[in-house]
Protein backbone atom coordinates (compact mmCIF):
# COMPACT_ATOMS: atom_id res chain seq x y z
CA MET A 1 -0.29 0.08 -0.15
CA THR A 2 1.47 3.57 -0.99
CA SER A 3 1.10 6.27 1.08
CA ASP A 4 -1.11 8.25 -1.64
CA ALA A 5 -3.43 5.16 0.47
CA ILE A 6 -2.97 6.00 3.44
CA VAL A 7 -6.61 7.97 5.07
CA ARG A 8 -6.26 9.65 7.39
CA PRO A 9 -9.63 9.88 9.90
CA GLU A 10 -10.56 13.35 9.40
CA ALA A 11 -10.56 12.70 5.70
CA ALA A 12 -12.72 9.93 5.78
CA ALA A 13 -15.72 12.40 7.02
CA ASP A 14 -19.06 12.01 4.44
CA PRO A 15 -19.12 14.26 1.69
CA ALA A 16 -22.23 15.29 2.04
CA ARG A 17 -21.66 16.44 5.59
CA PRO A 18 -20.45 20.37 6.42
CA ASP A 19 -16.76 21.05 7.38
CA PRO A 20 -17.07 21.38 11.42
CA VAL A 21 -16.92 25.04 12.35
CA ARG A 22 -16.66 26.79 15.25
CA ALA A 23 -20.54 27.48 17.31
CA LYS A 24 -20.50 31.20 16.96
CA PRO A 25 -24.04 32.72 18.98
CA VAL A 26 -27.27 33.57 17.92
CA ARG A 27 -28.34 36.83 17.60
CA ALA A 28 -32.05 37.83 17.61
CA LYS A 29 -33.34 39.25 14.50
CA PRO A 30 -34.77 42.41 14.03
CA VAL A 31 -38.84 42.38 13.43
CA ARG A 32 -39.36 44.04 10.58
CA ALA A 33 -42.69 45.33 9.59
CA LYS A 34 -44.00 44.96 6.04
CA PRO A 35 -44.07 48.59 4.50
CA VAL A 36 -47.47 50.51 4.16
CA GLY A 37 -47.53 52.62 0.61
CA SER A 38 -49.12 56.06 0.90
CA ARG A 39 -51.79 55.31 -0.83
CA TRP A 40 -52.92 52.66 2.35
CA ALA A 41 -56.87 53.26 2.71
CA GLY A 42 -57.00 51.87 5.79
CA PRO A 43 -56.23 54.99 8.14
CA TYR A 44 -59.28 56.62 5.96
CA ALA A 45 -61.42 53.55 7.14
CA VAL A 46 -60.56 54.31 10.65
CA ALA A 47 -61.04 58.18 10.75
CA GLY A 48 -64.69 57.41 8.60
CA GLY A 49 -65.93 54.69 11.34
CA LEU A 50 -65.02 57.19 14.49
CA PHE A 51 -66.71 60.05 12.42
CA LEU A 52 -69.82 57.85 12.65
CA VAL A 53 -69.18 56.70 16.43
CA TYR A 54 -68.48 60.92 17.19
CA LEU A 55 -71.59 62.07 15.58
CA ALA A 56 -73.90 59.72 17.39
CA LEU A 57 -72.50 60.48 20.70
CA SER A 58 -72.73 63.99 20.48
CA VAL A 59 -75.60 64.73 18.30
CA GLY A 60 -77.79 62.03 19.69
CA ARG A 61 -77.15 63.64 23.34
CA PHE A 62 -78.23 67.02 21.84
CA ARG A 63 -81.54 65.69 20.62
CA ARG A 64 -81.86 64.13 24.38
CA MET A 65 -80.49 67.89 26.10
CA ASP A 66 -78.34 66.08 27.95
CA TRP A 67 -75.85 68.67 28.73
CA ALA A 68 -74.24 69.65 31.86
CA SER A 69 -72.40 72.51 30.69
CA TRP A 70 -72.82 75.94 29.28
CA ASP A 71 -69.75 75.67 26.93
CA LEU A 72 -71.31 74.79 23.46
CA GLY A 73 -73.44 78.11 24.10
CA ILE A 74 -70.15 79.80 24.61
CA PHE A 75 -68.65 78.84 21.76
CA GLU A 76 -71.65 79.30 19.52
CA GLN A 77 -72.07 82.82 20.64
CA ALA A 78 -68.54 83.50 19.71
CA ILE A 79 -68.13 81.62 15.94
CA ARG A 80 -71.52 83.04 14.75
CA ALA A 81 -69.58 86.55 15.78
CA TYR A 82 -66.92 85.52 13.81
CA ALA A 83 -69.41 84.11 10.77
CA HIS A 84 -70.84 87.31 10.47
CA LEU A 85 -67.53 89.66 10.88
CA GLN A 86 -68.23 90.90 14.55
CA GLU A 87 -65.95 90.99 17.48
CA PRO A 88 -66.36 87.52 19.06
CA VAL A 89 -68.45 88.40 21.84
CA ALA A 90 -69.95 85.60 24.17
CA ASP A 91 -72.66 87.14 26.30
CA LEU A 92 -72.92 83.91 28.57
CA LYS A 93 -69.62 85.34 30.01
CA GLY A 94 -70.88 88.42 30.62
CA PRO A 95 -72.78 91.00 28.41
CA GLY A 96 -70.37 92.34 25.84
CA ALA A 97 -67.10 89.53 26.90
CA ASN A 98 -64.92 88.82 24.00
CA ILE A 99 -63.72 85.60 23.91
CA LEU A 100 -60.45 86.18 23.85
CA GLY A 101 -59.87 87.56 26.81
CA ASP A 102 -61.27 84.49 28.57
CA HIS A 103 -59.17 82.14 26.41
CA PHE A 104 -57.15 82.47 23.78
CA SER A 105 -58.43 80.66 20.71
CA PRO A 106 -58.27 82.53 17.79
CA ILE A 107 -58.79 79.10 15.73
CA ILE A 108 -62.12 78.75 15.99
CA ALA A 109 -62.72 81.44 13.50
CA LEU A 110 -61.84 78.47 11.04
CA ALA A 111 -65.48 77.41 12.00
CA ALA A 112 -67.07 80.70 10.84
CA PRO A 113 -67.70 79.71 7.11
CA VAL A 114 -69.18 76.45 7.80
CA TYR A 115 -71.61 77.90 10.42
CA ARG A 116 -72.49 80.97 8.21
CA LEU A 117 -73.40 77.97 5.67
CA PHE A 118 -75.25 76.03 8.16
CA PRO A 119 -75.87 77.92 11.52
CA GLY A 120 -76.57 76.28 14.98
CA PRO A 121 -75.19 74.22 17.69
CA LEU A 122 -75.01 70.87 15.49
CA THR A 123 -72.58 72.76 13.04
CA LEU A 124 -70.24 72.82 15.95
CA LEU A 125 -70.34 69.20 16.79
CA VAL A 126 -70.01 67.89 13.32
CA VAL A 127 -66.99 69.74 13.07
CA GLN A 128 -66.04 68.52 16.26
CA ALA A 129 -66.09 65.18 15.20
CA ALA A 130 -64.84 65.61 12.33
CA LEU A 131 -61.47 67.14 13.55
CA PHE A 132 -61.39 64.30 16.17
CA ALA A 133 -61.71 61.42 13.62
CA LEU A 134 -59.10 63.10 11.54
CA SER A 135 -56.61 63.35 13.82
CA ALA A 136 -56.94 59.24 13.70
CA VAL A 137 -55.16 59.57 10.39
CA PRO A 138 -51.81 60.28 10.95
CA VAL A 139 -52.05 58.32 14.28
CA THR A 140 -53.05 55.15 12.32
CA ARG A 141 -50.65 55.98 9.55
CA ALA A 142 -47.32 56.05 11.69
CA ALA A 143 -48.37 53.07 13.36
CA GLY A 144 -48.97 51.25 9.79
CA ARG A 145 -45.88 52.76 8.39
CA LEU A 146 -43.44 51.89 11.44
CA LEU A 147 -45.04 48.43 12.68
CA GLY A 148 -47.10 47.22 9.73
CA ARG A 149 -50.86 47.70 8.99
CA ALA A 150 -52.43 44.93 11.01
CA ARG A 151 -51.11 46.82 14.09
CA GLY A 152 -51.58 49.96 12.60
CA ILE A 153 -55.40 49.91 12.37
CA ALA A 154 -55.50 48.15 16.05
CA ILE A 155 -53.46 51.64 17.44
CA GLY A 156 -55.66 54.03 15.49
CA ILE A 157 -58.84 51.99 16.83
CA ALA A 158 -57.71 52.48 20.25
CA TYR A 159 -56.76 55.90 19.89
CA GLY A 160 -59.74 56.64 18.32
CA LEU A 161 -62.07 55.06 21.07
CA SER A 162 -59.57 55.89 23.99
CA TRP A 163 -61.30 57.57 27.45
CA GLY A 164 -60.00 60.96 27.06
CA VAL A 165 -60.94 61.49 23.15
CA GLN A 166 -64.74 59.70 24.34
CA ARG A 167 -65.13 62.09 27.22
CA ALA A 168 -64.21 64.89 25.36
CA VAL A 169 -66.60 64.35 22.50
CA GLU A 170 -68.98 63.78 24.63
CA PHE A 171 -68.62 67.23 26.99
CA ASP A 172 -69.47 69.87 24.20
CA PHE A 173 -67.51 71.51 22.03
CA HIS A 174 -64.24 72.73 22.94
CA GLU A 175 -61.01 74.49 21.04
CA ILE A 176 -59.00 71.72 21.79
CA ALA A 177 -60.46 69.81 18.94
CA PHE A 178 -58.20 71.96 16.78
CA ALA A 179 -55.25 70.57 18.52
CA MET A 180 -55.99 67.31 17.79
CA PRO A 181 -55.22 66.85 14.53
CA LEU A 182 -51.91 69.54 14.54
CA LEU A 183 -50.58 67.30 17.38
CA ALA A 184 -51.26 63.89 15.36
CA PHE A 185 -49.89 65.46 12.16
CA SER A 186 -46.84 66.83 13.72
CA LEU A 187 -45.80 63.79 16.17
CA GLU A 188 -46.15 61.89 12.73
CA ALA A 189 -43.98 63.85 11.08
CA VAL A 190 -41.51 63.65 14.37
CA LEU A 191 -41.35 59.85 13.77
CA THR A 192 -40.47 60.46 9.56
CA ARG A 193 -38.01 62.72 10.73
CA ARG A 194 -40.04 65.51 8.59
CA TRP A 195 -38.20 67.69 11.08
CA ARG A 196 -39.91 71.30 8.77
CA ALA A 197 -43.64 69.82 8.58
CA ALA A 198 -43.59 69.00 12.58
CA LEU A 199 -42.56 72.26 13.35
CA LEU A 200 -45.30 73.67 10.84
CA TRP A 201 -47.92 71.47 12.06
CA ALA A 202 -47.08 72.31 15.91
CA LEU A 203 -46.52 76.39 15.00
CA ALA A 204 -50.40 76.51 14.90
CA LEU A 205 -50.81 75.38 18.69
CA VAL A 206 -50.26 78.75 19.46
CA LEU A 207 -53.65 80.00 17.99
CA VAL A 208 -55.97 76.80 19.40
CA LYS A 209 -55.19 77.61 23.51
CA GLU A 210 -52.97 79.99 25.71
CA ASP A 211 -51.09 76.85 27.67
CA LEU A 212 -50.39 75.27 24.22
CA GLY A 213 -47.02 77.35 23.55
CA PHE A 214 -45.59 75.51 26.00
CA THR A 215 -46.69 71.93 24.03
CA LEU A 216 -45.01 73.79 21.11
CA ALA A 217 -42.04 74.11 22.96
CA ALA A 218 -41.91 71.01 24.49
CA LEU A 219 -42.63 69.23 20.95
CA ALA A 220 -39.53 71.52 18.91
CA VAL A 221 -37.43 70.41 22.17
CA VAL A 222 -38.73 66.82 21.01
CA VAL A 223 -37.47 67.66 17.00
CA ALA A 224 -34.10 69.25 18.33
CA TRP A 225 -33.06 66.25 20.52
CA ARG A 226 -33.59 64.04 17.59
CA ALA A 227 -32.31 66.21 14.79
CA TRP A 228 -29.54 67.05 16.93
CA THR A 229 -26.76 64.11 15.19
CA THR A 230 -27.65 64.25 11.81
CA ASP A 231 -29.15 68.04 11.25
CA ARG A 232 -27.14 70.39 13.24
CA ARG A 233 -29.10 72.91 11.46
CA THR A 234 -32.20 72.36 11.73
CA ALA A 235 -31.95 71.00 15.89
CA TRP A 236 -31.23 75.08 16.25
CA THR A 237 -33.92 76.03 14.60
CA ALA A 238 -36.11 73.91 16.47
CA LEU A 239 -34.35 75.35 19.88
CA GLY A 240 -35.38 78.71 18.66
CA VAL A 241 -39.46 77.64 17.82
CA ALA A 242 -39.09 76.48 21.01
CA ALA A 243 -37.94 79.39 22.61
CA PHE A 244 -40.48 80.92 20.53
CA GLY A 245 -43.57 78.97 21.61
CA ALA A 246 -42.78 79.53 25.06
CA VAL A 247 -42.41 83.39 24.76
CA PHE A 248 -45.72 83.67 22.78
CA ALA A 249 -47.32 81.64 25.89
CA VAL A 250 -46.12 84.18 28.38
CA LEU A 251 -47.10 87.15 26.11
CA VAL A 252 -50.48 85.88 25.82
CA PHE A 253 -50.93 85.13 29.61
CA THR A 254 -49.99 88.17 30.27
CA VAL A 255 -50.70 90.57 27.52
CA PHE A 256 -52.71 89.16 25.12
CA ILE A 257 -55.98 88.22 27.39
CA PRO A 258 -55.39 91.12 29.61
CA ALA A 259 -55.90 93.67 26.69
CA PHE A 260 -59.26 91.71 25.56
CA ALA A 261 -60.63 91.28 29.63
CA THR A 262 -59.96 94.60 32.11
CA GLU A 263 -59.55 92.21 35.12
CA GLY A 264 -56.97 90.00 33.65
CA TYR A 265 -56.76 86.53 32.61
CA GLY A 266 -59.57 84.81 35.04
CA TYR A 267 -58.19 81.50 35.88
CA TRP A 268 -55.22 82.22 38.07
CA HIS A 269 -57.19 81.13 41.12
CA LYS A 270 -57.03 77.68 39.90
CA ILE A 271 -53.90 77.27 40.80
CA ASP A 272 -54.49 77.67 43.84
CA GLY A 273 -56.68 75.25 46.11
CA GLY A 274 -53.89 73.40 47.86
CA GLY A 275 -51.58 73.36 45.83
CA PRO A 276 -49.71 70.27 43.90
CA PHE A 277 -50.37 67.94 46.29
CA ALA A 278 -54.16 68.68 46.66
CA GLY A 279 -55.89 65.40 45.33
CA THR A 280 -52.74 63.34 45.15
CA GLY A 281 -54.82 60.21 44.76
CA THR A 282 -56.99 61.61 42.12
CA LYS A 283 -54.27 62.96 40.26
CA LEU A 284 -51.87 59.58 40.56
CA ALA A 285 -55.15 57.60 39.59
CA THR A 286 -56.06 59.90 36.53
CA LEU A 287 -51.90 59.49 35.65
CA ALA A 288 -52.39 55.70 35.31
CA TRP A 289 -55.76 56.07 32.85
CA VAL A 290 -53.38 57.88 30.61
CA LEU A 291 -50.21 55.40 30.72
CA ILE A 292 -51.83 52.44 31.49
CA PRO A 293 -54.38 50.89 29.66
CA THR A 294 -53.73 53.56 26.49
CA THR A 295 -50.04 51.55 26.57
CA GLY A 296 -49.27 49.50 28.92
CA LEU A 297 -46.64 51.97 30.01
CA LEU A 298 -44.31 51.40 27.48
CA ALA A 299 -45.00 55.03 26.43
CA LEU A 300 -42.61 55.94 29.17
CA ARG A 301 -39.32 54.96 26.99
CA SER A 302 -40.80 57.63 23.99
CA PRO A 303 -38.73 61.18 24.46
CA LEU A 304 -42.31 62.04 22.39
CA LEU A 305 -43.92 61.74 25.84
CA LEU A 306 -42.25 64.90 26.88
CA VAL A 307 -44.75 66.99 24.73
CA ALA A 308 -47.64 65.87 27.10
CA ALA A 309 -45.00 67.06 30.22
CA PRO A 310 -46.89 71.08 30.22
CA THR A 311 -50.49 69.73 29.86
CA LEU A 312 -49.94 67.45 32.91
CA GLY A 313 -47.69 70.41 34.79
CA TRP A 314 -50.17 72.64 34.99
CA ARG A 315 -53.24 69.92 36.04
CA PHE A 316 -50.62 68.78 38.72
CA LEU A 317 -50.02 72.86 39.82
CA SER A 318 -53.93 72.69 40.19
CA GLY A 319 -56.05 71.59 43.29
CA ASP A 320 -58.89 71.81 41.23
CA ASP A 321 -60.60 68.48 40.86
CA HIS A 322 -62.05 69.28 37.52
CA TYR A 323 -58.79 69.31 36.11
CA TRP A 324 -57.37 65.75 37.31
CA SER A 325 -60.48 63.67 36.95
CA THR A 326 -60.77 61.91 33.84
CA ASP A 327 -64.18 63.54 32.79
CA TRP A 328 -64.73 66.66 30.74
CA HIS A 329 -61.95 67.17 27.98
CA TYR A 330 -58.94 67.91 29.46
CA SER A 331 -57.14 64.76 28.74
CA ALA A 332 -57.70 64.86 25.18
CA VAL A 333 -54.76 66.48 24.16
CA LEU A 334 -52.99 63.50 25.92
CA MET A 335 -54.09 60.99 23.62
CA PRO A 336 -52.10 61.31 20.38
CA VAL A 337 -49.17 62.01 22.19
CA VAL A 338 -49.24 58.86 24.09
CA SER A 339 -50.51 57.04 21.12
CA LEU A 340 -47.83 57.83 18.63
CA ALA A 341 -44.79 57.76 21.79
CA LEU A 342 -46.52 54.05 21.86
CA VAL A 343 -45.72 53.49 18.66
CA ASP A 344 -42.20 55.01 18.94
CA ALA A 345 -41.68 52.68 21.52
CA ILE A 346 -42.71 49.29 20.16
CA ASP A 347 -40.49 50.47 17.05
CA THR A 348 -37.30 50.91 18.95
CA PHE A 349 -38.01 47.64 21.40
CA ARG A 350 -39.08 45.63 18.59
CA ARG A 351 -35.56 45.45 17.52
CA SER A 352 -34.53 44.59 20.89
CA GLU A 353 -31.84 41.39 21.69
CA ARG A 354 -34.32 40.77 25.02
CA PRO A 355 -36.65 38.38 24.04
CA ARG A 356 -39.40 39.26 26.62
CA LEU A 357 -39.16 43.11 25.60
CA ARG A 358 -39.44 42.20 22.37
CA ALA A 359 -42.44 40.32 22.90
CA TYR A 360 -44.00 42.41 24.76
CA SER A 361 -43.68 45.61 22.50
CA LEU A 362 -45.45 43.48 19.28
CA GLN A 363 -48.50 42.55 21.75
CA LEU A 364 -48.95 45.83 22.71
CA PRO A 365 -51.47 47.19 19.98
CA THR A 366 -53.62 43.94 20.19
CA ALA A 367 -53.61 44.66 24.13
CA VAL A 368 -54.64 48.60 23.83
CA LEU A 369 -56.99 47.65 21.06
CA ALA A 370 -58.48 45.10 23.54
CA ALA A 371 -58.65 47.78 26.99
CA GLY A 372 -60.25 50.33 24.65
CA LEU A 373 -62.92 47.71 22.89
CA ALA A 374 -63.74 46.71 26.65
CA LEU A 375 -63.66 49.65 28.39
CA ALA A 376 -66.01 51.69 25.01
CA ALA A 377 -68.41 48.38 25.92
CA THR A 378 -68.74 48.98 29.74
CA ALA A 379 -67.43 52.22 30.95
CA MET A 380 -67.59 55.08 28.27
CA PRO A 381 -70.04 56.62 26.32
CA THR A 382 -69.92 54.58 23.19
CA ALA A 383 -71.74 52.07 25.48
CA LYS A 384 -74.76 54.06 25.08
CA LEU A 385 -74.89 52.97 21.00
CA ALA A 386 -76.09 49.81 22.43
CA GLU A 387 -79.26 51.78 24.09
CA ALA A 388 -82.14 52.48 21.91
CA ARG A 389 -82.73 55.48 23.65
CA THR A 390 -79.31 57.22 22.23
CA TYR A 391 -81.11 57.55 18.98
CA GLU A 392 -84.63 58.88 20.01
CA LYS A 393 -85.63 62.27 20.69
CA PRO A 394 -87.73 62.19 23.94
CA ASP A 395 -91.41 63.64 24.13
CA ARG A 396 -90.29 65.83 27.10
CA VAL A 397 -87.36 67.61 24.55
CA THR A 398 -90.26 68.20 21.79
CA ALA A 399 -92.32 69.74 24.14
CA ILE A 400 -89.69 71.88 25.75
CA GLU A 401 -88.60 73.15 22.62
CA ARG A 402 -92.23 73.61 21.29
CA LEU A 403 -92.32 76.18 24.79
CA LEU A 404 -88.69 77.95 23.60
CA ASP A 405 -90.19 78.46 20.50
CA ARG A 406 -92.56 80.94 21.75
CA ILE A 407 -89.28 83.35 22.36
CA PRO A 408 -88.89 85.85 19.19
CA ASP A 409 -85.87 86.05 16.95
CA GLY A 410 -83.31 88.68 18.36
CA ALA A 411 -84.45 88.58 21.92
CA THR A 412 -82.36 88.65 25.09
CA VAL A 413 -83.29 85.95 27.05
CA GLU A 414 -81.45 85.16 30.21
CA ALA A 415 -81.07 81.11 31.21
CA ASP A 416 -79.49 78.18 32.45
CA THR A 417 -77.71 75.34 30.76
CA THR A 418 -80.62 73.35 29.63
CA PRO A 419 -82.29 75.43 27.10
CA LEU A 420 -79.70 77.51 25.97
CA THR A 421 -78.61 75.39 23.86
CA ARG A 422 -81.71 75.54 21.49
CA LEU A 423 -81.50 79.65 21.91
CA THR A 424 -77.58 80.86 21.11
CA SER A 425 -78.10 80.74 17.39
CA ARG A 426 -81.07 83.07 17.14
CA CYS A 427 -81.07 85.24 20.49
CA ARG A 428 -78.63 87.44 22.38
CA VAL A 429 -78.45 84.96 25.47
CA LEU A 430 -77.00 85.84 29.29
CA TRP A 431 -76.10 83.29 31.82
CA ILE A 432 -78.96 83.49 34.79
CA GLY A 433 -77.69 85.47 37.34
CA GLY A 434 -74.54 87.20 35.22
CA SER A 435 -76.86 89.69 32.86
CA LYS A 436 -75.17 92.65 34.96
CA GLY A 437 -77.44 95.29 34.73
CA VAL A 438 -78.83 94.32 31.52
CA VAL A 439 -82.37 93.42 31.33
CA PRO A 440 -84.01 90.35 29.54
CA ASP A 441 -86.90 90.30 27.92
CA TRP A 442 -87.55 86.68 28.81
CA ILE A 443 -85.80 84.40 31.22
CA THR A 444 -86.03 80.44 30.96
CA ILE A 445 -84.49 78.30 33.37
CA ASP A 446 -84.36 74.42 34.54
CA ASN A 447 -86.37 74.74 38.02
CA SER A 448 -87.42 70.72 38.15
CA SER A 449 -85.48 70.33 40.89
CA ARG A 450 -87.10 73.47 42.06
CA TRP A 451 -84.16 75.21 42.83
CA ALA A 452 -85.42 78.94 42.36
CA GLY A 453 -88.65 78.27 44.17
CA ASP A 454 -91.20 80.39 42.77
CA PRO A 455 -89.87 81.82 39.30
CA VAL A 456 -91.52 84.78 39.27
CA VAL A 457 -90.36 86.01 42.38
CA TYR A 458 -86.85 84.48 41.76
CA ALA A 459 -87.21 86.86 38.24
CA GLY A 460 -87.93 89.54 40.74
CA GLN A 461 -85.20 89.71 42.77
CA LEU A 462 -82.65 89.11 39.78
CA HIS A 463 -84.16 92.35 38.57
CA PRO A 464 -85.41 94.68 41.32
CA GLY A 465 -88.38 96.92 39.69
CA GLU A 466 -88.82 94.91 36.88
CA ARG A 467 -92.46 92.74 36.27
CA TYR A 468 -92.29 89.05 34.44
CA THR A 469 -95.22 86.87 33.97
CA LEU A 470 -95.20 82.91 33.59
CA VAL A 471 -95.86 82.19 30.43
CA GLY A 472 -95.63 78.34 29.91
CA GLU A 473 -93.85 75.83 31.54
CA ALA A 474 -92.19 72.02 30.19
CA ALA A 475 -90.87 69.04 31.52
CA GLY A 476 -89.50 71.55 34.63
CA ILE A 477 -88.34 74.40 32.07
CA VAL A 478 -90.49 77.58 32.87
CA LEU A 479 -90.32 80.44 30.72
CA LEU A 480 -91.12 84.02 31.80
CA GLN A 481 -91.57 87.45 30.03
CA ARG A 482 -91.09 90.82 30.90
CA GLY A 483 -94.09 93.12 31.27
């Protein structure tokens, strides 16, 4: 046997087997979402469905006259004035009171052309429903682009049904309806690194409400933070916008609003009431509601959450429990922020090398959707959509409207919450007990609880020397006429 015939054991290995190699550590592969095209119709389908939900809630409530506030009437008075190119006077805040001396919200003038074509309080509710629904488009689109279509739809629906949005939709009309799409489009642009678009969308926030200049500042800081390493020039521009937002907000509080209100800004006293530690339990509970059912706390891992800090901050400084409860409309502007902060955090942690964190983040869109649907079906206003009475107009409302039709157009009326929304589109309406020397032609109040006692006597106490006669009564609503 020659040496060539000698076969070493290593060479005798099966040729079909690969050569042994040194074992390499297995790294977690990043989970990549399927890209979503710009023509994806999902966001608009979500927005369309939400619009119908919001409309059913707010219009149904109007038809039932289930009002707990005068806000719809106040905003209708201001927008009605804008629609006729007049000073935005809201007589419900006091005879001749300019709404810009109460809250600095000139952006509501954008609703004036629609109101001019379709005058009436329902127009404001339709506009609000459309603005809230529109804000779901960028939320759904951003989530779909970064996380895939299914997760995008889940987060979009969860956002639209979130408790903060639902409470705002049910509670009258408010200027913050304009802030919702502005915040959502701006934060979507942040997530797609379109810095100029992010800043331009956010700039209009200073026209929505006096405190939102600070929200603009926070958002601009987030842009500067994210752009700093790749686009230093944009980062410096964003810091300039942040400074502008903060300075503008200070000017609004100290110069602009006092220019329209002789007594200055009327809400400084809300900062009192025990200070930041008053009602701590309620504040912490509301903070938990903001972060847990909507984001599973993962939003805490995104710098976008900084945009919520100004709103949370001024509410924390106040001891007024209205600001810190989960009712009313004060949490609505937080919802697009926490929803898109969640998208940002999931996009980061779905690439994590920690399997549990990666799995948790990828399951959150389904979890927040399930939480939103569960709350919507039980504890939120949308639960009423399953009740027949939501779509009915009660007989008592028909009787009340027939009674109020006796008031002629253009009359001066002193009214309280329940009847005023049927009058602000055609009469000058003053708040009951707040006419400040103006003598109304008519007085109408909800006296079903007999809080005013004898309404004729009560009217005489409000306006000594004047005589009012009881004209009629319907479902507890009384109507009196002067003379």
